Full PDB file with SEQRES, HELIX, SHEET, SSBOND, CRYST1, ORIGX, SCALE, CONECT and MASTER records, all heavy atoms in Angstrom:
SEQRES   1 A   42  ALA PRO ARG HIS ALA LEU SER ASP VAL VAL ILE ASP GLU          
SEQRES   2 A   42  GLN PRO VAL ALA LEU VAL TYR ASN GLY LEU SER HIS VAL          
SEQRES   3 A   42  VAL MET MET ALA THR PRO LEU ASP LEU GLU ASP LEU GLY          
SEQRES   4 A   42  LEU GLY PHE                                                  
HELIX    1 AA1 LEU A   35  GLY A   41  1                                   7    
SHEET    1 AA1 2 GLN A  14  TYR A  20  0                                        
SHEET    2 AA1 2 LEU A  23  ALA A  30 -1                                        
CRYST1    1.000    1.000    1.000  90.00  90.00  90.00 P 1           1          
ORIGX1      1.000000  0.000000  0.000000        0.00000                         
ORIGX2      0.000000  1.000000  0.000000        0.00000                         
ORIGX3      0.000000  0.000000  1.000000        0.00000                         
SCALE1      1.000000  0.000000  0.000000        0.00000                         
SCALE2      0.000000  1.000000  0.000000        0.00000                         
SCALE3      0.000000  0.000000  1.000000        0.00000                         
ATOM      1  N   ALA A   1    -149.494-192.046 -25.479  1.00  0.00           N  
ATOM      2  CA  ALA A   1    -148.188-192.171 -26.137  1.00  0.00           C  
ATOM      3  C   ALA A   1    -147.851-190.888 -26.881  1.00  0.00           C  
ATOM      4  O   ALA A   1    -148.694-190.333 -27.562  1.00  0.00           O  
ATOM      5  CB  ALA A   1    -148.210-193.344 -27.113  1.00  0.00           C  
ATOM      6  N   PRO A   2    -146.588-190.421 -26.746  1.00  0.00           N  
ATOM      7  CA  PRO A   2    -146.192-189.223 -27.494  1.00  0.00           C  
ATOM      8  C   PRO A   2    -146.204-189.484 -28.996  1.00  0.00           C  
ATOM      9  O   PRO A   2    -145.895-190.587 -29.450  1.00  0.00           O  
ATOM     10  CB  PRO A   2    -144.772-188.940 -27.019  1.00  0.00           C  
ATOM     11  CG  PRO A   2    -144.524-189.801 -25.849  1.00  0.00           C  
ATOM     12  CD  PRO A   2    -145.528-190.916 -25.888  1.00  0.00           C  
ATOM     13  N   ARG A   3    -146.573-188.503 -29.735  1.00  0.00           N  
ATOM     14  CA  ARG A   3    -146.515-188.585 -31.199  1.00  0.00           C  
ATOM     15  C   ARG A   3    -145.238-187.904 -31.661  1.00  0.00           C  
ATOM     16  O   ARG A   3    -144.503-187.346 -30.870  1.00  0.00           O  
ATOM     17  CB  ARG A   3    -147.736-187.914 -31.808  1.00  0.00           C  
ATOM     18  CG  ARG A   3    -149.014-188.603 -31.403  1.00  0.00           C  
ATOM     19  CD  ARG A   3    -150.185-188.041 -32.146  1.00  0.00           C  
ATOM     20  NE  ARG A   3    -151.386-188.712 -31.663  1.00  0.00           N  
ATOM     21  CZ  ARG A   3    -152.576-188.197 -31.712  1.00  0.00           C  
ATOM     22  NH1 ARG A   3    -152.757-187.015 -32.254  1.00  0.00           N  
ATOM     23  NH2 ARG A   3    -153.603-188.863 -31.252  1.00  0.00           N  
ATOM     24  N   HIS A   4    -144.994-187.923 -32.945  1.00  0.00           N  
ATOM     25  CA  HIS A   4    -143.761-187.327 -33.464  1.00  0.00           C  
ATOM     26  C   HIS A   4    -143.779-185.804 -33.298  1.00  0.00           C  
ATOM     27  O   HIS A   4    -144.840-185.197 -33.197  1.00  0.00           O  
ATOM     28  CB  HIS A   4    -143.561-187.714 -34.932  1.00  0.00           C  
ATOM     29  CG  HIS A   4    -144.573-187.113 -35.856  1.00  0.00           C  
ATOM     30  ND1 HIS A   4    -145.860-187.578 -35.959  1.00  0.00           N  
ATOM     31  CD2 HIS A   4    -144.477-186.064 -36.707  1.00  0.00           C  
ATOM     32  CE1 HIS A   4    -146.530-186.844 -36.833  1.00  0.00           C  
ATOM     33  NE2 HIS A   4    -145.715-185.918 -37.300  1.00  0.00           N  
ATOM     34  N   ALA A   5    -142.583-185.233 -33.276  1.00  0.00           N  
ATOM     35  CA  ALA A   5    -142.436-183.786 -33.114  1.00  0.00           C  
ATOM     36  C   ALA A   5    -142.854-183.082 -34.399  1.00  0.00           C  
ATOM     37  O   ALA A   5    -142.570-183.550 -35.499  1.00  0.00           O  
ATOM     38  CB  ALA A   5    -141.003-183.434 -32.760  1.00  0.00           C  
ATOM     39  N   LEU A   6    -143.516-181.983 -34.230  1.00  0.00           N  
ATOM     40  CA  LEU A   6    -143.917-181.147 -35.351  1.00  0.00           C  
ATOM     41  C   LEU A   6    -143.179-179.820 -35.252  1.00  0.00           C  
ATOM     42  O   LEU A   6    -142.891-179.340 -34.164  1.00  0.00           O  
ATOM     43  CB  LEU A   6    -145.427-180.894 -35.309  1.00  0.00           C  
ATOM     44  CG  LEU A   6    -146.330-182.114 -35.255  1.00  0.00           C  
ATOM     45  CD1 LEU A   6    -147.769-181.680 -34.992  1.00  0.00           C  
ATOM     46  CD2 LEU A   6    -146.234-182.886 -36.553  1.00  0.00           C  
ATOM     47  N   SER A   7    -142.889-179.219 -36.379  1.00  0.00           N  
ATOM     48  CA  SER A   7    -142.255-177.908 -36.401  1.00  0.00           C  
ATOM     49  C   SER A   7    -143.294-176.886 -36.844  1.00  0.00           C  
ATOM     50  O   SER A   7    -144.106-177.161 -37.722  1.00  0.00           O  
ATOM     51  CB  SER A   7    -141.084-177.911 -37.384  1.00  0.00           C  
ATOM     52  OG  SER A   7    -140.453-176.646 -37.385  1.00  0.00           O  
ATOM     53  N   ASP A   8    -143.265-175.706 -36.220  1.00  0.00           N  
ATOM     54  CA  ASP A   8    -144.207-174.654 -36.592  1.00  0.00           C  
ATOM     55  C   ASP A   8    -143.493-173.308 -36.550  1.00  0.00           C  
ATOM     56  O   ASP A   8    -142.475-173.155 -35.879  1.00  0.00           O  
ATOM     57  CB  ASP A   8    -145.400-174.650 -35.638  1.00  0.00           C  
ATOM     58  CG  ASP A   8    -146.619-173.933 -36.203  1.00  0.00           C  
ATOM     59  OD1 ASP A   8    -146.569-173.447 -37.356  1.00  0.00           O  
ATOM     60  OD2 ASP A   8    -147.623-173.842 -35.483  1.00  0.00           O  
ATOM     61  N   VAL A   9    -144.029-172.358 -37.257  1.00  0.00           N  
ATOM     62  CA  VAL A   9    -143.504-170.999 -37.281  1.00  0.00           C  
ATOM     63  C   VAL A   9    -144.534-170.110 -36.592  1.00  0.00           C  
ATOM     64  O   VAL A   9    -145.725-170.170 -36.898  1.00  0.00           O  
ATOM     65  CB  VAL A   9    -143.275-170.518 -38.734  1.00  0.00           C  
ATOM     66  CG1 VAL A   9    -142.749-169.089 -38.754  1.00  0.00           C  
ATOM     67  CG2 VAL A   9    -142.313-171.456 -39.450  1.00  0.00           C  
ATOM     68  N   VAL A  10    -144.072-169.299 -35.651  1.00  0.00           N  
ATOM     69  CA  VAL A  10    -144.957-168.403 -34.916  1.00  0.00           C  
ATOM     70  C   VAL A  10    -144.402-166.981 -34.975  1.00  0.00           C  
ATOM     71  O   VAL A  10    -143.209-166.774 -35.168  1.00  0.00           O  
ATOM     72  CB  VAL A  10    -145.125-168.831 -33.441  1.00  0.00           C  
ATOM     73  CG1 VAL A  10    -145.819-170.180 -33.342  1.00  0.00           C  
ATOM     74  CG2 VAL A  10    -143.790-168.868 -32.726  1.00  0.00           C  
ATOM     75  N   ILE A  11    -145.292-166.016 -34.810  1.00  0.00           N  
ATOM     76  CA  ILE A  11    -144.869-164.617 -34.801  1.00  0.00           C  
ATOM     77  C   ILE A  11    -144.111-164.327 -33.504  1.00  0.00           C  
ATOM     78  O   ILE A  11    -144.438-164.875 -32.461  1.00  0.00           O  
ATOM     79  CB  ILE A  11    -146.091-163.676 -34.973  1.00  0.00           C  
ATOM     80  CG1 ILE A  11    -145.663-162.257 -35.280  1.00  0.00           C  
ATOM     81  CG2 ILE A  11    -146.981-163.699 -33.756  1.00  0.00           C  
ATOM     82  CD1 ILE A  11    -145.091-162.075 -36.645  1.00  0.00           C  
ATOM     83  N   ASP A  12    -143.098-163.496 -33.590  1.00  0.00           N  
ATOM     84  CA  ASP A  12    -142.328-163.092 -32.426  1.00  0.00           C  
ATOM     85  C   ASP A  12    -142.797-161.713 -31.996  1.00  0.00           C  
ATOM     86  O   ASP A  12    -142.824-160.783 -32.802  1.00  0.00           O  
ATOM     87  CB  ASP A  12    -140.841-163.044 -32.775  1.00  0.00           C  
ATOM     88  CG  ASP A  12    -139.992-162.516 -31.634  1.00  0.00           C  
ATOM     89  OD1 ASP A  12    -140.369-162.700 -30.467  1.00  0.00           O  
ATOM     90  OD2 ASP A  12    -138.948-161.906 -31.916  1.00  0.00           O  
ATOM     91  N   GLU A  13    -143.188-161.574 -30.751  1.00  0.00           N  
ATOM     92  CA  GLU A  13    -143.502-160.273 -30.183  1.00  0.00           C  
ATOM     93  C   GLU A  13    -142.707-160.119 -28.903  1.00  0.00           C  
ATOM     94  O   GLU A  13    -142.554-161.071 -28.144  1.00  0.00           O  
ATOM     95  CB  GLU A  13    -144.998-160.117 -29.931  1.00  0.00           C  
ATOM     96  CG  GLU A  13    -145.781-160.014 -31.219  1.00  0.00           C  
ATOM     97  CD  GLU A  13    -147.154-159.399 -31.048  1.00  0.00           C  
ATOM     98  OE1 GLU A  13    -147.634-159.295 -29.901  1.00  0.00           O  
ATOM     99  OE2 GLU A  13    -147.744-159.019 -32.065  1.00  0.00           O  
ATOM    100  N   GLN A  14    -142.189-158.930 -28.710  1.00  0.00           N  
ATOM    101  CA  GLN A  14    -141.376-158.626 -27.547  1.00  0.00           C  
ATOM    102  C   GLN A  14    -141.845-157.307 -26.942  1.00  0.00           C  
ATOM    103  O   GLN A  14    -142.439-156.484 -27.642  1.00  0.00           O  
ATOM    104  CB  GLN A  14    -139.906-158.489 -27.959  1.00  0.00           C  
ATOM    105  CG  GLN A  14    -139.318-159.733 -28.560  1.00  0.00           C  
ATOM    106  CD  GLN A  14    -137.885-159.520 -29.015  1.00  0.00           C  
ATOM    107  OE1 GLN A  14    -137.242-158.542 -28.666  1.00  0.00           O  
ATOM    108  NE2 GLN A  14    -137.379-160.456 -29.805  1.00  0.00           N  
ATOM    109  N   PRO A  15    -141.567-157.087 -25.665  1.00  0.00           N  
ATOM    110  CA  PRO A  15    -141.888-155.779 -25.097  1.00  0.00           C  
ATOM    111  C   PRO A  15    -141.013-154.701 -25.734  1.00  0.00           C  
ATOM    112  O   PRO A  15    -139.797-154.863 -25.839  1.00  0.00           O  
ATOM    113  CB  PRO A  15    -141.592-155.927 -23.615  1.00  0.00           C  
ATOM    114  CG  PRO A  15    -140.882-157.215 -23.452  1.00  0.00           C  
ATOM    115  CD  PRO A  15    -141.004-158.003 -24.703  1.00  0.00           C  
ATOM    116  N   VAL A  16    -141.658-153.646 -26.184  1.00  0.00           N  
ATOM    117  CA  VAL A  16    -140.966-152.525 -26.823  1.00  0.00           C  
ATOM    118  C   VAL A  16    -141.351-151.253 -26.072  1.00  0.00           C  
ATOM    119  O   VAL A  16    -142.534-150.933 -25.953  1.00  0.00           O  
ATOM    120  CB  VAL A  16    -141.345-152.409 -28.316  1.00  0.00           C  
ATOM    121  CG1 VAL A  16    -140.704-151.175 -28.944  1.00  0.00           C  
ATOM    122  CG2 VAL A  16    -140.936-153.665 -29.081  1.00  0.00           C  
ATOM    123  N   ALA A  17    -140.345-150.552 -25.566  1.00  0.00           N  
ATOM    124  CA  ALA A  17    -140.575-149.292 -24.857  1.00  0.00           C  
ATOM    125  C   ALA A  17    -140.250-148.135 -25.790  1.00  0.00           C  
ATOM    126  O   ALA A  17    -139.224-148.155 -26.472  1.00  0.00           O  
ATOM    127  CB  ALA A  17    -139.699-149.216 -23.618  1.00  0.00           C  
ATOM    128  N   LEU A  18    -141.126-147.137 -25.812  1.00  0.00           N  
ATOM    129  CA  LEU A  18    -140.845-145.891 -26.525  1.00  0.00           C  
ATOM    130  C   LEU A  18    -140.418-144.868 -25.475  1.00  0.00           C  
ATOM    131  O   LEU A  18    -141.157-144.597 -24.525  1.00  0.00           O  
ATOM    132  CB  LEU A  18    -142.065-145.406 -27.293  1.00  0.00           C  
ATOM    133  CG  LEU A  18    -142.574-146.346 -28.383  1.00  0.00           C  
ATOM    134  CD1 LEU A  18    -143.760-145.723 -29.104  1.00  0.00           C  
ATOM    135  CD2 LEU A  18    -141.478-146.712 -29.363  1.00  0.00           C  
ATOM    136  N   VAL A  19    -139.211-144.338 -25.664  1.00  0.00           N  
ATOM    137  CA  VAL A  19    -138.598-143.445 -24.686  1.00  0.00           C  
ATOM    138  C   VAL A  19    -138.276-142.122 -25.385  1.00  0.00           C  
ATOM    139  O   VAL A  19    -137.585-142.109 -26.402  1.00  0.00           O  
ATOM    140  CB  VAL A  19    -137.313-144.068 -24.105  1.00  0.00           C  
ATOM    141  CG1 VAL A  19    -136.679-143.151 -23.078  1.00  0.00           C  
ATOM    142  CG2 VAL A  19    -137.614-145.447 -23.513  1.00  0.00           C  
ATOM    143  N   TYR A  20    -138.814-141.023 -24.844  1.00  0.00           N  
ATOM    144  CA  TYR A  20    -138.637-139.695 -25.442  1.00  0.00           C  
ATOM    145  C   TYR A  20    -137.680-138.876 -24.587  1.00  0.00           C  
ATOM    146  O   TYR A  20    -137.956-138.616 -23.420  1.00  0.00           O  
ATOM    147  CB  TYR A  20    -139.993-138.980 -25.542  1.00  0.00           C  
ATOM    148  CG  TYR A  20    -140.922-139.670 -26.495  1.00  0.00           C  
ATOM    149  CD1 TYR A  20    -141.690-140.754 -26.082  1.00  0.00           C  
ATOM    150  CD2 TYR A  20    -141.005-139.268 -27.824  1.00  0.00           C  
ATOM    151  CE1 TYR A  20    -142.533-141.409 -26.960  1.00  0.00           C  
ATOM    152  CE2 TYR A  20    -141.846-139.922 -28.709  1.00  0.00           C  
ATOM    153  CZ  TYR A  20    -142.603-140.989 -28.266  1.00  0.00           C  
ATOM    154  OH  TYR A  20    -143.432-141.646 -29.151  1.00  0.00           O  
ATOM    155  N   ASN A  21    -136.555-138.513 -25.181  1.00  0.00           N  
ATOM    156  CA  ASN A  21    -135.529-137.724 -24.487  1.00  0.00           C  
ATOM    157  C   ASN A  21    -135.235-138.304 -23.104  1.00  0.00           C  
ATOM    158  O   ASN A  21    -135.122-137.587 -22.115  1.00  0.00           O  
ATOM    159  CB  ASN A  21    -135.944-136.262 -24.381  1.00  0.00           C  
ATOM    160  CG  ASN A  21    -135.995-135.572 -25.726  1.00  0.00           C  
ATOM    161  OD1 ASN A  21    -135.804-136.187 -26.766  1.00  0.00           O  
ATOM    162  ND2 ASN A  21    -136.275-134.286 -25.721  1.00  0.00           N  
ATOM    163  N   GLY A  22    -135.158-139.633 -23.036  1.00  0.00           N  
ATOM    164  CA  GLY A  22    -134.815-140.327 -21.802  1.00  0.00           C  
ATOM    165  C   GLY A  22    -135.986-140.610 -20.874  1.00  0.00           C  
ATOM    166  O   GLY A  22    -135.801-141.234 -19.839  1.00  0.00           O  
ATOM    167  N   LEU A  23    -137.193-140.185 -21.237  1.00  0.00           N  
ATOM    168  CA  LEU A  23    -138.367-140.373 -20.388  1.00  0.00           C  
ATOM    169  C   LEU A  23    -139.284-141.419 -21.021  1.00  0.00           C  
ATOM    170  O   LEU A  23    -139.809-141.212 -22.117  1.00  0.00           O  
ATOM    171  CB  LEU A  23    -139.106-139.046 -20.224  1.00  0.00           C  
ATOM    172  CG  LEU A  23    -140.252-138.996 -19.235  1.00  0.00           C  
ATOM    173  CD1 LEU A  23    -139.787-139.355 -17.824  1.00  0.00           C  
ATOM    174  CD2 LEU A  23    -140.871-137.607 -19.241  1.00  0.00           C  
ATOM    175  N   SER A  24    -139.466-142.546 -20.330  1.00  0.00           N  
ATOM    176  CA  SER A  24    -140.276-143.635 -20.863  1.00  0.00           C  
ATOM    177  C   SER A  24    -141.736-143.215 -20.948  1.00  0.00           C  
ATOM    178  O   SER A  24    -142.275-142.571 -20.051  1.00  0.00           O  
ATOM    179  CB  SER A  24    -140.147-144.878 -19.977  1.00  0.00           C  
ATOM    180  OG  SER A  24    -140.869-145.940 -20.547  1.00  0.00           O  
ATOM    181  N   HIS A  25    -142.373-143.585 -22.052  1.00  0.00           N  
ATOM    182  CA  HIS A  25    -143.767-143.208 -22.273  1.00  0.00           C  
ATOM    183  C   HIS A  25    -144.697-144.408 -22.330  1.00  0.00           C  
ATOM    184  O   HIS A  25    -145.758-144.386 -21.738  1.00  0.00           O  
ATOM    185  CB  HIS A  25    -143.890-142.408 -23.566  1.00  0.00           C  
ATOM    186  CG  HIS A  25    -145.289-141.999 -23.900  1.00  0.00           C  
ATOM    187  ND1 HIS A  25    -146.038-141.200 -23.069  1.00  0.00           N  
ATOM    188  CD2 HIS A  25    -146.080-142.291 -24.952  1.00  0.00           C  
ATOM    189  CE1 HIS A  25    -147.229-141.002 -23.608  1.00  0.00           C  
ATOM    190  NE2 HIS A  25    -147.287-141.656 -24.735  1.00  0.00           N  
ATOM    191  N   VAL A  26    -144.297-145.443 -23.049  1.00  0.00           N  
ATOM    192  CA  VAL A  26    -145.209-146.567 -23.243  1.00  0.00           C  
ATOM    193  C   VAL A  26    -144.398-147.834 -23.482  1.00  0.00           C  
ATOM    194  O   VAL A  26    -143.319-147.790 -24.058  1.00  0.00           O  
ATOM    195  CB  VAL A  26    -146.176-146.304 -24.423  1.00  0.00           C  
ATOM    196  CG1 VAL A  26    -145.442-146.154 -25.737  1.00  0.00           C  
ATOM    197  CG2 VAL A  26    -147.219-147.408 -24.556  1.00  0.00           C  
ATOM    198  N   VAL A  27    -144.944-148.936 -23.014  1.00  0.00           N  
ATOM    199  CA  VAL A  27    -144.400-150.248 -23.327  1.00  0.00           C  
ATOM    200  C   VAL A  27    -145.530-151.042 -23.957  1.00  0.00           C  
ATOM    201  O   VAL A  27    -146.638-151.082 -23.417  1.00  0.00           O  
ATOM    202  CB  VAL A  27    -143.876-150.983 -22.082  1.00  0.00           C  
ATOM    203  CG1 VAL A  27    -143.403-152.384 -22.441  1.00  0.00           C  
ATOM    204  CG2 VAL A  27    -142.764-150.188 -21.422  1.00  0.00           C  
ATOM    205  N   MET A  28    -145.253-151.625 -25.101  1.00  0.00           N  
ATOM    206  CA  MET A  28    -146.262-152.431 -25.781  1.00  0.00           C  
ATOM    207  C   MET A  28    -145.597-153.664 -26.377  1.00  0.00           C  
ATOM    208  O   MET A  28    -144.385-153.702 -26.548  1.00  0.00           O  
ATOM    209  CB  MET A  28    -146.960-151.610 -26.863  1.00  0.00           C  
ATOM    210  CG  MET A  28    -146.053-151.149 -27.990  1.00  0.00           C  
ATOM    211  SD  MET A  28    -146.869-150.065 -29.146  1.00  0.00           S  
ATOM    212  CE  MET A  28    -146.479-148.489 -28.421  1.00  0.00           C  
ATOM    213  N   MET A  29    -146.395-154.651 -26.662  1.00  0.00           N  
ATOM    214  CA  MET A  29    -145.890-155.834 -27.335  1.00  0.00           C  
ATOM    215  C   MET A  29    -145.887-155.562 -28.836  1.00  0.00           C  
ATOM    216  O   MET A  29    -146.881-155.066 -29.379  1.00  0.00           O  
ATOM    217  CB  MET A  29    -146.761-157.043 -27.018  1.00  0.00           C  
ATOM    218  CG  MET A  29    -146.722-157.457 -25.558  1.00  0.00           C  
ATOM    219  SD  MET A  29    -145.066-157.883 -24.969  1.00  0.00           S  
ATOM    220  CE  MET A  29    -144.773-159.408 -25.852  1.00  0.00           C  
ATOM    221  N   ALA A  30    -144.766-155.882 -29.484  1.00  0.00           N  
ATOM    222  CA  ALA A  30    -144.644-155.624 -30.916  1.00  0.00           C  
ATOM    223  C   ALA A  30    -143.653-156.593 -31.519  1.00  0.00           C  
ATOM    224  O   ALA A  30    -142.742-157.083 -30.848  1.00  0.00           O  
ATOM    225  CB  ALA A  30    -144.188-154.188 -31.169  1.00  0.00           C  
ATOM    226  N   THR A  31    -143.825-156.857 -32.797  1.00  0.00           N  
ATOM    227  CA  THR A  31    -142.841-157.627 -33.543  1.00  0.00           C  
ATOM    228  C   THR A  31    -141.611-156.743 -33.699  1.00  0.00           C  
ATOM    229  O   THR A  31    -141.734-155.599 -34.133  1.00  0.00           O  
ATOM    230  CB  THR A  31    -143.414-158.019 -34.915  1.00  0.00           C  
ATOM    231  OG1 THR A  31    -144.607-158.765 -34.698  1.00  0.00           O  
ATOM    232  CG2 THR A  31    -142.423-158.858 -35.706  1.00  0.00           C  
ATOM    233  N   PRO A  32    -140.430-157.232 -33.354  1.00  0.00           N  
ATOM    234  CA  PRO A  32    -139.242-156.369 -33.334  1.00  0.00           C  
ATOM    235  C   PRO A  32    -138.654-156.120 -34.728  1.00  0.00           C  
ATOM    236  O   PRO A  32    -137.482-156.347 -34.971  1.00  0.00           O  
ATOM    237  CB  PRO A  32    -138.275-157.141 -32.430  1.00  0.00           C  
ATOM    238  CG  PRO A  32    -138.649-158.564 -32.627  1.00  0.00           C  
ATOM    239  CD  PRO A  32    -140.147-158.562 -32.825  1.00  0.00           C  
ATOM    240  N   LEU A  33    -139.486-155.644 -35.625  1.00  0.00           N  
ATOM    241  CA  LEU A  33    -139.065-155.260 -36.972  1.00  0.00           C  
ATOM    242  C   LEU A  33    -139.544-153.837 -37.230  1.00  0.00           C  
ATOM    243  O   LEU A  33    -140.594-153.428 -36.730  1.00  0.00           O  
ATOM    244  CB  LEU A  33    -139.693-156.183 -38.021  1.00  0.00           C  
ATOM    245  CG  LEU A  33    -139.317-157.656 -37.958  1.00  0.00           C  
ATOM    246  CD1 LEU A  33    -140.143-158.459 -38.958  1.00  0.00           C  
ATOM    247  CD2 LEU A  33    -137.833-157.832 -38.236  1.00  0.00           C  
ATOM    248  N   ASP A  34    -138.798-153.087 -37.999  1.00  0.00           N  
ATOM    249  CA  ASP A  34    -139.205-151.735 -38.401  1.00  0.00           C  
ATOM    250  C   ASP A  34    -139.567-150.873 -37.199  1.00  0.00           C  
ATOM    251  O   ASP A  34    -140.520-150.094 -37.229  1.00  0.00           O  
ATOM    252  CB  ASP A  34    -140.381-151.794 -39.390  1.00  0.00           C  
ATOM    253  CG  ASP A  34    -140.070-152.654 -40.608  1.00  0.00           C  
ATOM    254  OD1 ASP A  34    -138.959-152.516 -41.154  1.00  0.00           O  
ATOM    255  OD2 ASP A  34    -140.921-153.461 -40.988  1.00  0.00           O  
ATOM    256  N   LEU A  35    -138.794-150.995 -36.132  1.00  0.00           N  
ATOM    257  CA  LEU A  35    -139.134-150.287 -34.894  1.00  0.00           C  
ATOM    258  C   LEU A  35    -138.943-148.775 -35.005  1.00  0.00           C  
ATOM    259  O   LEU A  35    -139.630-148.018 -34.307  1.00  0.00           O  
ATOM    260  CB  LEU A  35    -138.349-150.854 -33.727  1.00  0.00           C  
ATOM    261  CG  LEU A  35    -138.741-152.293 -33.352  1.00  0.00           C  
ATOM    262  CD1 LEU A  35    -137.860-152.818 -32.235  1.00  0.00           C  
ATOM    263  CD2 LEU A  35    -140.209-152.371 -32.974  1.00  0.00           C  
ATOM    264  N   GLU A  36    -138.055-148.328 -35.878  1.00  0.00           N  
ATOM    265  CA  GLU A  36    -137.939-146.888 -36.107  1.00  0.00           C  
ATOM    266  C   GLU A  36    -139.251-146.353 -36.683  1.00  0.00           C  
ATOM    267  O   GLU A  36    -139.743-145.302 -36.270  1.00  0.00           O  
ATOM    268  CB  GLU A  36    -136.779-146.574 -37.061  1.00  0.00           C  
ATOM    269  CG  GLU A  36    -135.414-146.901 -36.501  1.00  0.00           C  
ATOM    270  CD  GLU A  36    -134.954-148.336 -36.815  1.00  0.00           C  
ATOM    271  OE1 GLU A  36    -135.776-149.156 -37.280  1.00  0.00           O  
ATOM    272  OE2 GLU A  36    -133.777-148.623 -36.568  1.00  0.00           O  
ATOM    273  N   ASP A  37    -139.820-147.106 -37.631  1.00  0.00           N  
ATOM    274  CA  ASP A  37    -141.102-146.705 -38.213  1.00  0.00           C  
ATOM    275  C   ASP A  37    -142.211-146.745 -37.180  1.00  0.00           C  
ATOM    276  O   ASP A  37    -143.086-145.873 -37.155  1.00  0.00           O  
ATOM    277  CB  ASP A  37    -141.469-147.617 -39.392  1.00  0.00           C  
ATOM    278  CG  ASP A  37    -140.523-147.462 -40.571  1.00  0.00           C  
ATOM    279  OD1 ASP A  37    -139.899-146.390 -40.697  1.00  0.00           O  
ATOM    280  OD2 ASP A  37    -140.412-148.409 -41.366  1.00  0.00           O  
ATOM    281  N   LEU A  38    -142.199-147.767 -36.309  1.00  0.00           N  
ATOM    282  CA  LEU A  38    -143.192-147.850 -35.243  1.00  0.00           C  
ATOM    283  C   LEU A  38    -143.097-146.622 -34.338  1.00  0.00           C  
ATOM    284  O   LEU A  38    -144.110-145.990 -34.010  1.00  0.00           O  
ATOM    285  CB  LEU A  38    -143.003-149.122 -34.410  1.00  0.00           C  
ATOM    286  CG  LEU A  38    -143.869-149.208 -33.150  1.00  0.00           C  
ATOM    287  CD1 LEU A  38    -145.328-149.406 -33.507  1.00  0.00           C  
ATOM    288  CD2 LEU A  38    -143.394-150.323 -32.247  1.00  0.00           C  
ATOM    289  N   GLY A  39    -141.887-146.275 -33.925  1.00  0.00           N  
ATOM    290  CA  GLY A  39    -141.704-145.127 -33.042  1.00  0.00           C  
ATOM    291  C   GLY A  39    -142.176-143.831 -33.680  1.00  0.00           C  
ATOM    292  O   GLY A  39    -142.889-143.037 -33.052  1.00  0.00           O  
ATOM    293  N   LEU A  40    -141.811-143.610 -34.922  1.00  0.00           N  
ATOM    294  CA  LEU A  40    -142.216-142.386 -35.606  1.00  0.00           C  
ATOM    295  C   LEU A  40    -143.722-142.377 -35.851  1.00  0.00           C  
ATOM    296  O   LEU A  40    -144.397-141.382 -35.567  1.00  0.00           O  
ATOM    297  CB  LEU A  40    -141.467-142.234 -36.936  1.00  0.00           C  
ATOM    298  CG  LEU A  40    -141.864-141.022 -37.770  1.00  0.00           C  
ATOM    299  CD1 LEU A  40    -141.654-139.724 -36.997  1.00  0.00           C  
ATOM    300  CD2 LEU A  40    -141.088-141.016 -39.075  1.00  0.00           C  
ATOM    301  N   GLY A  41    -144.263-143.485 -36.339  1.00  0.00           N  
ATOM    302  CA  GLY A  41    -145.701-143.548 -36.610  1.00  0.00           C  
ATOM    303  C   GLY A  41    -146.533-143.365 -35.356  1.00  0.00           C  
ATOM    304  O   GLY A  41    -147.530-142.637 -35.355  1.00  0.00           O  
ATOM    305  N   PHE A  42    -146.141-144.013 -34.265  1.00  0.00           N  
ATOM    306  CA  PHE A  42    -146.841-143.857 -32.991  1.00  0.00           C  
ATOM    307  C   PHE A  42    -146.786-142.400 -32.538  1.00  0.00           C  
ATOM    308  O   PHE A  42    -147.788-141.823 -32.122  1.00  0.00           O  
ATOM    309  CB  PHE A  42    -146.217-144.773 -31.939  1.00  0.00           C  
ATOM    310  CG  PHE A  42    -146.869-144.686 -30.587  1.00  0.00           C  
ATOM    311  CD1 PHE A  42    -147.929-145.524 -30.275  1.00  0.00           C  
ATOM    312  CD2 PHE A  42    -146.434-143.777 -29.639  1.00  0.00           C  
ATOM    313  CE1 PHE A  42    -148.546-145.447 -29.023  1.00  0.00           C  
ATOM    314  CE2 PHE A  42    -147.044-143.687 -28.397  1.00  0.00           C  
ATOM    315  CZ  PHE A  42    -148.108-144.534 -28.084  1.00  0.00           C  
TER     316      PHE A  42                                                      
MASTER        0    0    0    1    2    0    0    6  315    1    0    4          
END                                                                             
């Protein structure tokens, strides 16, 4: 028998590509926040 529905919060990760002067370099899974900082830090 099904039980009641539960709600949960999960982290969101999406494919993020870093592209330099139009040339793709890397695709990684990342939380889509502070992506400018991710690009510069990487």
